[in-house]
Protein backbone atom coordinates (compact mmCIF):
# COMPACT_ATOMS: atom_id res chain seq x y z
CA MET A 1 100.08 94.07 116.13
CA ARG A 2 102.79 96.64 115.41
CA LYS A 3 102.45 97.97 111.88
CA PHE A 4 105.08 99.15 109.42
CA HIS A 5 106.45 102.62 110.05
CA TRP A 6 108.64 104.68 107.79
CA SER A 7 111.96 105.77 109.28
CA LEU A 8 115.74 105.54 109.08
CA ILE A 9 115.93 103.39 112.20
CA GLY A 10 117.26 100.45 110.18
CA MET A 11 120.14 102.43 108.74
CA VAL A 12 121.00 103.83 112.18
CA ALA A 13 121.03 100.31 113.58
CA LEU A 14 123.40 99.18 110.86
CA LEU A 15 125.77 102.05 111.54
CA LEU A 16 125.71 101.39 115.27
CA ALA A 17 126.57 97.77 114.56
CA GLY A 18 129.83 99.02 113.06
CA CYS A 19 129.38 97.76 109.52
CA GLU A 20 132.11 98.89 107.18
CA SER A 21 129.75 99.06 104.19
CA ALA A 22 126.15 99.28 105.32
CA GLU A 23 123.54 98.28 102.79
CA ALA A 24 121.46 101.17 101.47
CA VAL A 25 117.94 100.57 102.74
CA PRO A 26 115.16 102.56 101.05
CA GLN A 27 113.55 105.08 103.39
CA ASP A 28 110.15 103.58 102.69
CA ALA A 29 111.33 100.06 103.49
CA LEU A 30 110.34 97.90 106.41
CA THR A 31 112.18 98.54 109.63
CA TRP A 32 115.17 96.34 110.30
CA HIS A 33 115.73 94.20 113.36
CA PRO A 34 118.32 96.12 115.45
CA GLN A 35 120.56 93.05 115.82
CA VAL A 36 120.85 92.37 112.09
CA ALA A 37 123.79 94.02 110.34
CA ALA A 38 124.51 93.85 106.63
CA GLY A 39 125.74 90.40 105.71
CA GLU A 40 124.85 88.93 109.09
CA THR A 41 122.11 86.45 109.91
CA LEU A 42 120.05 85.57 112.94
CA SER A 43 120.99 82.15 114.29
CA ASP A 44 117.32 81.16 114.15
CA PHE A 45 117.60 80.99 110.37
CA GLU A 46 120.92 79.20 110.02
CA ALA A 47 119.12 76.07 108.81
CA LEU A 48 117.25 78.09 106.20
CA ASP A 49 120.44 79.69 104.90
CA ALA A 50 122.27 76.38 104.97
CA MET A 51 119.52 74.79 102.89
CA LEU A 52 119.74 77.52 100.24
CA ASP A 53 123.55 77.48 100.15
CA SER A 54 123.46 73.71 99.77
CA ALA A 55 120.93 73.95 96.93
CA VAL A 56 123.14 76.48 95.10
CA ASN A 57 126.29 74.39 95.59
CA ALA A 58 124.53 71.19 94.47
CA GLY A 59 123.17 72.83 91.32
CA GLY A 60 119.54 72.71 92.43
CA ILE A 61 119.05 76.47 92.01
CA PRO A 62 121.23 79.27 90.59
CA GLY A 63 120.38 81.62 93.44
CA ALA A 64 117.71 82.83 95.86
CA GLU A 65 116.70 85.85 97.90
CA VAL A 66 115.01 85.19 101.22
CA MET A 67 113.22 87.62 103.52
CA VAL A 68 111.55 87.04 106.88
CA VAL A 69 109.42 89.75 108.47
CA ARG A 70 108.00 89.63 111.98
CA GLN A 71 105.66 92.24 113.46
CA GLY A 72 106.61 94.73 110.74
CA GLU A 73 110.38 94.30 111.03
CA VAL A 74 112.68 92.60 108.57
CA ILE A 75 114.46 90.17 110.88
CA HIS A 76 116.24 88.18 108.18
CA HIS A 77 117.24 89.12 104.64
CA GLN A 78 119.86 87.22 102.66
CA VAL A 79 120.84 86.43 99.10
CA HIS A 80 122.44 83.19 97.97
CA GLY A 81 124.18 82.33 94.74
CA TRP A 82 123.82 83.90 91.34
CA SER A 83 121.53 86.14 89.37
CA HIS A 84 123.25 85.10 86.12
CA PRO A 85 125.25 81.93 86.82
CA THR A 86 126.74 81.56 83.35
CA ASP A 87 128.17 85.10 83.54
CA SER A 88 129.11 84.77 87.24
CA VAL A 89 126.87 87.66 88.28
CA LYS A 90 126.05 87.47 91.98
CA LEU A 91 122.47 87.89 93.13
CA GLU A 92 121.90 91.18 94.94
CA LYS A 93 119.31 92.21 97.49
CA HIS A 94 116.21 93.99 96.18
CA SER A 95 116.44 92.25 92.83
CA ILE A 96 113.28 92.10 90.72
CA PHE A 97 111.62 88.75 90.02
CA ARG A 98 108.72 87.66 87.80
CA ILE A 99 106.23 86.67 90.51
CA CYS A 100 103.76 85.05 88.08
CA SER A 101 100.85 83.53 90.04
CA GLN A 102 101.60 85.67 93.07
CA THR A 103 99.92 88.31 90.89
CA LYS A 104 96.59 86.58 91.52
CA ALA A 105 96.30 87.84 95.10
CA LEU A 106 96.71 91.47 93.97
CA THR A 107 94.13 91.00 91.21
CA SER A 108 91.68 89.49 93.69
CA THR A 109 92.33 92.36 96.08
CA ALA A 110 91.53 94.84 93.29
CA ALA A 111 88.18 93.11 92.75
CA MET A 112 87.44 93.18 96.48
CA ILE A 113 88.10 96.93 96.59
CA LEU A 114 85.31 97.34 94.02
CA TRP A 115 83.13 94.92 95.97
CA GLU A 116 83.53 97.03 99.11
CA ARG A 117 82.36 100.06 97.16
CA GLY A 118 79.22 98.23 96.07
CA LEU A 119 80.22 98.32 92.41
CA LEU A 120 80.08 94.56 91.89
CA ASP A 121 78.70 91.53 93.68
CA LEU A 122 80.71 88.33 94.01
CA ASP A 123 77.70 86.32 92.87
CA ASP A 124 77.07 88.47 89.79
CA PRO A 125 77.11 86.46 86.55
CA VAL A 126 80.33 87.02 84.60
CA GLU A 127 78.22 87.61 81.50
CA LYS A 128 76.87 90.80 83.14
CA TYR A 129 80.30 92.35 82.50
CA ILE A 130 81.49 90.18 79.59
CA PRO A 131 78.37 89.25 77.56
CA SER A 132 80.20 86.74 75.35
CA PHE A 133 80.72 84.47 78.36
CA ALA A 134 77.00 83.60 78.27
CA HIS A 135 77.74 81.15 75.47
CA LEU A 136 80.52 79.05 77.06
CA GLU A 137 79.63 75.35 77.08
CA LEU A 138 81.35 72.18 78.28
CA LEU A 139 84.06 70.54 76.17
CA ASP A 140 82.73 67.28 74.75
CA SER A 141 85.31 66.11 72.22
CA LEU A 142 88.53 67.32 70.63
CA SER A 143 89.66 66.22 67.18
CA ASN A 144 93.21 65.85 65.91
CA ASP A 145 92.81 69.07 63.91
CA THR A 146 91.87 70.85 67.21
CA THR A 147 88.25 71.36 66.24
CA PHE A 148 86.03 70.57 69.21
CA THR A 149 82.44 69.98 70.17
CA THR A 150 80.61 71.19 73.25
CA ILE A 151 77.53 70.33 75.27
CA PRO A 152 75.38 72.73 77.30
CA HIS A 153 75.22 73.03 81.09
CA ASP A 154 72.70 74.61 83.45
CA ARG A 155 74.97 76.61 85.78
CA THR A 156 75.92 80.30 85.83
CA MET A 157 79.56 81.37 86.11
CA THR A 158 80.02 84.07 88.77
CA ILE A 159 82.76 86.45 89.88
CA ARG A 160 83.25 84.28 92.97
CA HIS A 161 83.91 81.29 90.71
CA LEU A 162 86.62 83.26 88.88
CA LEU A 163 88.34 84.24 92.13
CA THR A 164 88.32 80.72 93.55
CA HIS A 165 89.21 78.55 90.52
CA GLN A 166 85.72 77.07 90.31
CA SER A 167 84.66 78.75 87.06
CA GLY A 168 85.18 75.75 84.79
CA LEU A 169 87.91 77.55 82.85
CA SER A 170 91.25 75.79 82.52
CA TYR A 171 94.91 76.51 82.01
CA GLY A 172 96.62 75.09 78.97
CA GLU A 173 100.39 75.24 79.39
CA ILE A 174 100.16 74.25 83.06
CA GLY A 175 96.77 72.54 82.85
CA ASP A 176 94.79 70.20 80.61
CA PRO A 177 96.68 69.37 77.37
CA ARG A 178 93.43 69.54 75.39
CA PHE A 179 93.00 73.16 76.36
CA ASP A 180 96.62 73.88 75.55
CA LYS A 181 95.78 72.95 71.96
CA ILE A 182 92.48 74.83 71.95
CA TYR A 183 94.01 78.01 73.36
CA ALA A 184 96.88 77.87 70.88
CA LYS A 185 94.43 77.62 68.00
CA THR A 186 92.15 80.44 69.21
CA GLY A 187 95.00 82.73 70.27
CA VAL A 188 94.17 82.80 73.98
CA VAL A 189 97.04 84.12 76.10
CA ASP A 190 97.66 81.36 78.61
CA LEU A 191 100.48 82.88 80.67
CA PHE A 192 102.40 85.87 79.30
CA SER A 193 102.52 87.84 76.08
CA THR A 194 104.63 90.40 74.26
CA GLU A 195 101.99 90.61 71.51
CA PRO A 196 99.60 93.58 71.03
CA ILE A 197 96.62 92.00 72.80
CA THR A 198 94.39 93.37 75.55
CA ALA A 199 92.40 91.73 78.34
CA GLU A 200 89.20 92.49 76.43
CA GLU A 201 90.48 90.74 73.29
CA ASN A 202 91.79 87.81 75.30
CA CYS A 203 88.45 87.32 77.06
CA ASN A 204 86.59 87.45 73.76
CA ARG A 205 88.87 84.72 72.43
CA LEU A 206 88.44 82.70 75.62
CA ALA A 207 84.66 82.96 75.24
CA LYS A 208 84.98 81.08 71.94
CA THR A 209 86.52 78.04 73.63
CA ALA A 210 84.92 75.74 76.22
CA LEU A 211 84.78 74.79 79.88
CA ILE A 212 86.46 71.80 81.49
CA HIS A 213 83.59 71.44 83.99
CA ALA A 214 80.38 73.25 84.91
CA PRO A 215 80.85 76.38 87.05
CA GLY A 216 80.89 75.62 90.77
CA GLU A 217 81.23 71.88 90.20
CA ARG A 218 84.84 71.56 91.40
CA TRP A 219 88.18 73.31 91.91
CA ASN A 220 90.45 73.53 88.88
CA TYR A 221 93.41 75.89 88.59
CA SER A 222 92.52 78.26 85.82
CA LEU A 223 92.62 81.48 83.82
CA GLY A 224 89.85 82.91 85.99
CA LEU A 225 91.98 85.81 87.26
CA GLU A 226 92.66 86.92 83.68
CA VAL A 227 88.91 87.32 83.30
CA VAL A 228 88.74 89.25 86.58
CA VAL A 229 91.10 91.81 84.99
CA ARG A 230 88.49 92.58 82.37
CA VAL A 231 85.71 92.72 84.97
CA VAL A 232 87.72 95.28 86.96
CA GLU A 233 88.26 97.33 83.80
CA VAL A 234 84.55 97.33 82.94
CA VAL A 235 83.43 98.20 86.49
CA SER A 236 86.10 100.83 87.20
CA GLY A 237 86.23 102.36 83.73
CA GLN A 238 90.04 102.26 83.87
CA PRO A 239 92.76 100.07 82.34
CA PHE A 240 93.70 97.41 84.89
CA ASP A 241 97.27 98.60 85.34
CA VAL A 242 96.07 102.13 86.10
CA PHE A 243 93.49 100.92 88.64
CA LEU A 244 95.95 98.58 90.36
CA LYS A 245 98.61 101.28 90.61
CA SER A 246 96.34 103.98 92.00
CA GLU A 247 94.31 101.78 94.37
CA LEU A 248 96.93 99.31 95.63
CA LEU A 249 100.53 99.67 94.46
CA ASP A 250 100.94 103.39 95.14
CA PRO A 251 99.17 103.37 98.54
CA LEU A 252 101.36 100.45 99.65
CA GLY A 253 104.57 102.02 98.35
CA MET A 254 105.19 99.10 95.97
CA THR A 255 107.37 101.19 93.68
CA ASP A 256 109.26 98.21 92.24
CA THR A 257 106.14 96.27 91.21
CA HIS A 258 105.08 96.55 87.57
CA PHE A 259 103.62 94.64 84.66
CA TYR A 260 106.27 96.28 82.46
CA LEU A 261 109.41 97.63 84.08
CA PRO A 262 110.51 101.23 83.61
CA GLU A 263 113.92 101.44 81.95
CA ALA A 264 115.53 102.50 85.22
CA LEU A 265 114.49 99.21 86.86
CA ALA A 266 115.13 96.80 84.00
CA GLY A 267 118.73 96.09 85.04
CA ARG A 268 117.54 94.63 88.34
CA LEU A 269 115.40 91.94 86.67
CA VAL A 270 116.75 88.44 87.35
CA PRO A 271 116.90 86.18 84.26
CA VAL A 272 115.04 82.85 84.26
CA PHE A 273 117.34 79.83 84.02
CA GLU A 274 116.72 76.15 83.41
CA PRO A 275 119.01 73.14 83.92
CA ALA A 276 121.50 72.37 81.15
CA GLU A 277 123.69 69.31 80.59
CA GLU A 278 126.32 71.09 82.63
CA GLY A 279 125.05 73.83 84.88
CA TRP A 280 122.44 76.31 83.67
CA LYS A 281 121.14 77.95 80.51
CA LEU A 282 118.68 80.76 79.89
CA HIS A 283 115.12 79.46 79.77
CA GLU A 284 113.54 79.22 76.34
CA HIS A 285 109.95 78.18 75.64
CA HIS A 286 107.99 77.66 72.44
CA GLN A 287 104.90 79.53 73.67
CA TYR A 288 106.30 82.58 75.43
CA THR A 289 109.41 84.65 76.08
CA THR A 290 110.57 85.64 79.53
CA ASP A 291 111.42 89.09 78.15
CA TYR A 292 107.78 90.14 78.67
CA PRO A 293 108.50 92.55 81.56
CA VAL A 294 110.74 94.68 79.34
CA ALA A 295 109.87 93.88 75.69
CA GLY A 296 107.04 93.74 73.23
CA ALA A 297 103.76 95.62 72.85
CA LYS A 298 103.21 95.99 76.63
CA THR A 299 99.41 95.98 76.31
CA PHE A 300 98.53 92.79 78.20
CA PHE A 301 98.16 93.23 81.97
CA GLY A 302 98.07 89.63 83.11
CA GLY A 303 96.07 89.36 86.32
CA GLY A 304 97.00 85.72 86.79
CA ALA A 305 100.74 85.84 86.17
CA GLY A 306 101.89 89.18 84.80
CA LEU A 307 103.60 91.17 87.55
CA SER A 308 107.26 91.47 88.51
CA SER A 309 108.21 92.56 92.03
CA THR A 310 110.74 92.41 94.86
CA ALA A 311 110.72 90.55 98.17
CA LEU A 312 110.35 93.85 100.01
CA ASP A 313 107.45 95.10 97.88
CA TYR A 314 105.56 91.85 98.24
CA ALA A 315 106.15 91.92 102.00
CA LYS A 316 104.36 95.27 102.11
CA PHE A 317 101.33 93.74 100.39
CA LEU A 318 101.27 90.77 102.76
CA GLN A 319 101.76 93.02 105.79
CA MET A 320 98.65 94.96 104.78
CA TYR A 321 96.73 91.71 105.18
CA LEU A 322 98.42 90.90 108.50
CA ASN A 323 97.39 94.41 109.60
CA ARG A 324 93.82 93.42 108.68
CA GLY A 325 93.55 95.72 105.72
CA GLU A 326 95.65 98.71 106.80
CA PHE A 327 99.17 99.81 105.94
CA ASN A 328 101.12 102.91 107.00
CA GLY A 329 97.98 104.67 108.19
CA ARG A 330 96.10 103.97 104.95
CA ARG A 331 93.14 101.58 104.97
CA ILE A 332 92.98 99.46 101.83
CA LEU A 333 90.32 96.95 102.95
CA GLU A 334 87.92 96.72 105.86
CA GLU A 335 88.69 94.10 108.51
CA ALA A 336 85.50 92.19 107.70
CA THR A 337 86.58 92.05 104.05
CA VAL A 338 89.91 90.50 105.05
CA ASP A 339 88.00 87.87 107.02
CA SER A 340 85.88 87.11 103.97
CA ILE A 341 88.95 86.86 101.74
CA MET A 342 90.53 84.31 104.07
CA SER A 343 87.36 82.27 104.56
CA ASN A 344 86.78 78.85 103.03
CA GLN A 345 85.25 79.35 99.58
CA GLN A 346 85.26 75.66 98.61
CA GLY A 347 82.84 74.10 101.06
CA GLU A 348 82.59 70.38 100.46
CA LEU A 349 84.81 70.68 97.37
CA GLY A 350 87.84 71.08 99.64
CA GLU A 351 87.27 68.14 101.99
CA GLY A 352 90.42 66.14 102.76
CA LYS A 353 92.83 68.92 101.75
CA ARG A 354 95.36 70.52 104.09
CA TRP A 355 94.34 73.99 102.95
CA HIS A 356 91.27 75.79 101.70
CA GLN A 357 90.79 78.24 98.87
CA GLY A 358 90.05 81.79 99.99
CA LEU A 359 89.14 84.68 97.73
CA ALA A 360 92.77 85.60 97.11
CA PHE A 361 94.97 83.05 98.87
CA GLY A 362 95.32 79.47 99.89
CA VAL A 363 94.86 79.21 103.66
CA GLN A 364 96.45 76.44 105.72
CA THR A 365 94.08 74.32 107.82
CA GLU A 366 94.67 72.48 111.10
CA ALA A 367 95.55 69.36 109.17
CA GLY A 368 98.45 71.23 107.59
CA GLU A 369 99.82 72.24 110.99
CA ALA A 370 99.52 68.68 112.29
CA ALA A 371 101.47 67.48 109.25
CA GLY A 372 104.44 69.67 110.19
CA GLY A 373 103.89 72.47 107.67
CA SER A 374 102.87 76.06 108.21
CA PRO A 375 100.71 77.00 111.21
CA ALA A 376 96.95 76.85 110.78
CA GLY A 377 95.67 80.12 109.34
CA THR A 378 98.83 80.80 107.33
CA PHE A 379 98.00 82.16 103.87
CA PHE A 380 100.29 81.34 100.97
CA TRP A 381 100.85 80.88 97.23
CA GLY A 382 103.68 80.64 94.74
CA GLY A 383 104.68 81.51 91.18
CA TYR A 384 105.50 79.68 87.96
CA PHE A 385 109.19 80.65 88.03
CA ASN A 386 109.72 79.38 91.56
CA THR A 387 108.79 82.23 93.87
CA THR A 388 106.83 81.51 97.05
CA TYR A 389 105.50 83.13 100.21
CA ALA A 390 103.63 82.37 103.42
CA ALA A 391 102.25 84.70 106.11
CA ASP A 392 101.09 83.67 109.60
CA PRO A 393 98.56 86.05 111.26
CA THR A 394 99.08 84.51 114.70
CA THR A 395 102.73 85.56 115.03
CA GLY A 396 102.72 88.30 112.40
CA THR A 397 105.40 86.44 110.43
CA ILE A 398 106.01 86.66 106.68
CA GLY A 399 108.40 84.43 104.74
CA ILE A 400 109.26 85.19 101.11
CA LEU A 401 111.55 83.13 98.87
CA MET A 402 112.44 84.47 95.42
CA LYS A 403 114.03 82.39 92.65
CA GLN A 404 113.83 82.42 88.84
CA THR A 405 113.98 78.90 87.46
CA PHE A 406 112.09 76.56 85.18
CA GLY A 407 112.28 72.79 85.42
CA ALA A 408 114.86 72.82 88.20
CA ASN A 409 115.40 69.93 90.62
CA ASP A 410 114.58 72.17 93.56
CA LEU A 411 113.23 71.07 96.94
CA THR A 412 113.78 74.38 98.73
CA SER A 413 110.25 75.73 98.25
CA GLY A 414 108.76 72.67 99.89
CA ARG A 415 110.95 73.02 102.98
CA PHE A 416 110.91 76.81 103.14
CA SER A 417 107.84 77.41 105.31
CA SER A 418 108.72 74.85 107.96
CA LEU A 419 112.18 76.41 108.40
CA VAL A 420 110.74 79.93 108.64
CA PHE A 421 108.02 79.10 111.12
CA SER A 422 110.02 76.65 113.23
CA SER A 423 111.71 79.68 114.81
CA ARG A 424 108.58 81.76 115.25
CA ASP A 425 108.59 81.46 119.05
CA SER A 426 112.29 82.25 119.52
CA VAL A 427 112.65 85.62 117.82
CA HIS A 428 111.15 88.69 119.48
């Protein structure tokens, strides 16, 4: 597989194509397909662009940025609609989006870097690194005043359970309503925070709550990756943001990816919008503010949902995995580790699903391919504010779709992968 290389070939190609105003492509960007000029599109993706234009015109989304990479080249990159629809601000390429749960794959990768170095074992008890987790029991009952009772269990929560949503922890805001109440009472950060709280404090609060099921009993989407943040801090001896930057973001050249944006990047952050009676309005929520990438105490490095990034930056991360752990001559993970990350971590718990849970990603199974979705082996995930991605190792294809909405009537994410991969055999 051809890997990313750093050059000005893309800019030269744009100039040769005779563009009047060629787009400024960062020197450390992916290479550009030589037939793609600024503002143009490959015919293979006309249906994809038409879908996004239609969604904007119909009021399903304010705007979207789409990127398709094949064999290390950006072969399609377009923006559609608005960054700020109520102020008529057009969406621009290389905008910054809150990627929310797409953060989880980077957090898992950080843990696997430590695993490769022999500094932690995936089957280590969580309490080895966070002693207070030894006392977590199963939720039994919840009263109207949010006091609750628990019952004991006989299983041990492990690092592997945290990485694969089998720990027995829950989400509140996007999970079980009982835990939404419990977390609110105990001060657990469920998604984002501008308050002066740390991962250590958040885990100590979480340890005073309860489990929705015994560890390893089933799959339940959870706060497990927030706990992994603290494990990484304890093992590495560094704050999580420092470790992630030095071990992953900097080596991959992900200069636009941050928990909290530097002032110079803040103007590129796309606001989150939600449907209004007529058109759109800025998203407001009673439990969080979407200003978290630029405001507040900036002490909480959310491993489950905290990062903001660009389509290009995230493509670099995914390409490292398509390159089986290497990027731009720098090895991040061993090939065998990549295989382990993509392997089925659910066993019998995942029977009947069209995908299995790996150590950092969901991975499409044969059933998913037969159903007309992504090819078997494609790894994928998405984010709370409507970002999504999929990467196919067989053809070396990455598809990334970036939006910033809450509660929108939006079907584009569901159709995105099939439109990207339907052309995988026709573009070379």
